[in-house]
């Protein structure tokens, strides 16, 4: 069983997958920063400074009565909240990330299509000599 696991773990596909997961996690942080630090402030300006993350409805009051200014304050007070603003934020972030990845894949495909196909490898010298011999024998 240990031998089978070693063969499995040392296959190239497993290593490629591990590298992909690590790179994906790092890329996820970059995309997260892109969305939160660059795109969402612009969306906030376009929507007149509306912060969706603090849009919620109180379903049940907490230990201290509301109104609550933020979701965090309501949850600390023990209130049960319906956080529709966080859901809207998650949808916006998903759409932005999906569009960014779409543009990245589109650019990659365009660059890949623009590359000329590789030149065929040169014919080995022994094959060239054999062809010359064949052609001279035909005459």
Protein backbone atom coordinates (compact mmCIF):
# COMPACT_ATOMS: atom_id res chain seq x y z
CA UNK A 1 0.00 0.00 0.00
CA UNK A 2 2.87 2.38 0.79
CA UNK A 3 4.37 1.68 -2.65
CA UNK A 4 1.07 2.48 -4.36
CA UNK A 5 0.74 5.72 -2.41
CA UNK A 6 4.31 6.69 -3.32
CA UNK A 7 3.58 6.06 -7.02
CA UNK A 8 0.40 8.12 -6.78
CA UNK A 9 2.01 10.99 -4.88
CA UNK A 10 4.98 11.22 -7.21
CA UNK A 11 2.99 11.31 -10.44
CA UNK A 12 3.35 14.54 -12.38
CA UNK A 13 -0.39 15.25 -12.24
CA UNK A 14 -0.42 15.38 -8.45
CA UNK A 15 2.51 17.80 -8.41
CA UNK A 16 0.86 19.93 -11.10
CA UNK A 17 -2.34 19.99 -9.05
CA UNK A 18 -0.46 21.04 -5.91
CA UNK A 19 1.27 23.85 -7.78
CA UNK A 20 -2.08 24.92 -9.25
CA UNK A 21 -3.69 25.06 -5.81
CA UNK A 22 -0.85 27.16 -4.37
CA UNK A 23 -0.82 29.53 -7.35
CA UNK A 24 -4.63 29.71 -7.23
CA UNK A 25 -4.57 30.70 -3.56
CA UNK A 26 -2.04 33.44 -4.28
CA UNK A 27 -4.03 34.60 -7.31
CA UNK A 28 -7.15 34.62 -5.15
CA UNK A 29 -5.54 37.16 -2.84
CA UNK A 30 -4.65 39.35 -5.81
CA UNK A 31 -8.20 39.17 -7.18
CA UNK A 32 -9.62 39.86 -3.71
CA UNK A 33 -7.46 42.98 -3.41
CA UNK A 34 -8.38 44.05 -6.94
CA UNK A 35 -12.07 43.84 -6.14
CA UNK A 36 -12.02 45.29 -2.60
CA UNK A 37 -9.33 47.94 -3.03
CA UNK A 38 -9.73 49.09 -6.62
CA UNK A 39 -13.10 48.18 -8.09
CA UNK A 40 -15.51 48.39 -5.14
CA UNK A 41 -14.52 52.01 -4.28
CA UNK A 42 -15.38 52.96 -7.88
CA UNK A 43 -18.68 51.06 -7.63
CA UNK A 44 -19.31 52.93 -4.36
CA UNK A 45 -18.75 56.26 -6.11
CA UNK A 46 -21.03 55.29 -8.99
CA UNK A 47 -23.81 54.25 -6.59
CA UNK A 48 -23.51 57.41 -4.52
CA UNK A 49 -21.51 55.86 -1.70
CA UNK A 50 -24.01 53.11 -0.96
CA UNK A 51 -22.38 50.44 1.21
CA UNK A 52 -24.28 47.23 0.62
CA UNK A 53 -22.43 45.37 3.39
CA UNK A 54 -24.52 47.13 6.05
CA UNK A 55 -27.89 46.56 4.44
CA UNK A 56 -29.79 44.12 6.63
CA UNK A 57 -33.11 43.47 8.28
CA UNK A 58 -33.49 42.51 11.92
CA UNK A 59 -35.54 39.33 12.26
CA UNK A 60 -35.26 39.13 16.03
CA UNK A 61 -33.95 41.73 18.49
CA UNK A 62 -30.86 40.92 20.51
CA UNK A 63 -30.09 41.41 24.20
CA UNK A 64 -29.90 45.15 23.61
CA UNK A 65 -32.65 46.73 21.53
CA UNK A 66 -31.93 48.26 18.13
CA UNK A 67 -31.68 50.10 15.87
CA UNK A 68 -28.25 48.74 14.97
CA UNK A 69 -25.86 50.74 12.82
CA UNK A 70 -24.01 47.76 11.36
CA UNK A 71 -24.40 44.02 10.94
CA UNK A 72 -21.50 43.45 13.34
CA UNK A 73 -23.12 45.51 16.10
CA UNK A 74 -26.42 43.68 15.61
CA UNK A 75 -24.74 40.28 15.74
CA UNK A 76 -22.73 41.21 18.85
CA UNK A 77 -26.00 42.19 20.51
CA UNK A 78 -27.34 38.73 19.68
CA UNK A 79 -29.84 39.86 17.07
CA UNK A 80 -30.86 37.56 14.24
CA UNK A 81 -30.29 39.42 10.99
CA UNK A 82 -31.17 38.91 7.33
CA UNK A 83 -27.98 40.16 5.62
CA UNK A 84 -29.14 40.86 2.08
CA UNK A 85 -26.46 43.52 1.59
CA UNK A 86 -23.65 41.02 2.10
CA UNK A 87 -25.35 38.76 -0.43
CA UNK A 88 -25.52 41.64 -2.95
CA UNK A 89 -21.80 42.30 -2.33
CA UNK A 90 -21.00 38.63 -2.91
CA UNK A 91 -22.91 38.69 -6.21
CA UNK A 92 -21.15 41.88 -7.33
CA UNK A 93 -17.74 40.46 -6.43
CA UNK A 94 -18.54 37.22 -8.27
CA UNK A 95 -19.60 39.12 -11.40
CA UNK A 96 -16.49 41.30 -11.31
CA UNK A 97 -14.16 38.33 -10.77
CA UNK A 98 -15.92 36.30 -13.47
CA UNK A 99 -15.59 39.19 -15.93
CA UNK A 100 -11.90 39.70 -15.04
CA UNK A 101 -11.16 36.01 -15.56
CA UNK A 102 -13.15 36.05 -18.81
CA UNK A 103 -11.01 38.95 -20.06
CA UNK A 104 -7.82 37.15 -18.97
CA UNK A 105 -8.78 33.95 -20.78
CA UNK A 106 -9.86 35.93 -23.84
CA UNK A 107 -6.50 37.73 -23.97
CA UNK A 108 -4.65 34.43 -23.49
CA UNK A 109 -6.58 32.78 -26.32
CA UNK A 110 -5.95 35.76 -28.60
CA UNK A 111 -2.22 35.71 -27.83
CA UNK A 112 -2.09 31.95 -28.32
CA UNK A 113 -3.85 32.21 -31.69
CA UNK A 114 -1.45 34.96 -32.83
CA UNK A 115 1.60 32.72 -32.37
CA UNK A 116 2.76 31.18 -35.64
CA UNK A 117 2.79 27.39 -35.67
CA UNK A 118 6.21 25.91 -34.94
CA UNK A 119 8.35 25.07 -37.93
CA UNK A 120 8.58 21.39 -38.73
CA UNK A 121 11.81 19.82 -37.51
CA UNK A 122 14.64 19.55 -39.98
CA UNK A 123 14.90 16.26 -41.82
CA UNK A 124 17.77 14.18 -40.42
CA UNK A 125 20.81 13.89 -42.68
CA UNK A 126 20.59 10.11 -42.99
CA UNK A 127 17.00 10.38 -44.27
CA UNK A 128 18.08 12.98 -46.84
CA UNK A 129 20.87 10.66 -48.04
CA UNK A 130 18.47 7.71 -48.26
CA UNK A 131 16.05 9.81 -50.33
CA UNK A 132 18.87 10.83 -52.69
CA UNK A 133 19.86 7.18 -53.09
CA UNK A 134 16.21 6.23 -53.73
CA UNK A 135 15.82 8.98 -56.31
CA UNK A 136 19.06 8.02 -58.10
CA UNK A 137 17.99 4.35 -58.20
CA UNK A 138 14.69 5.33 -59.79
CA UNK A 139 16.55 6.97 -62.67
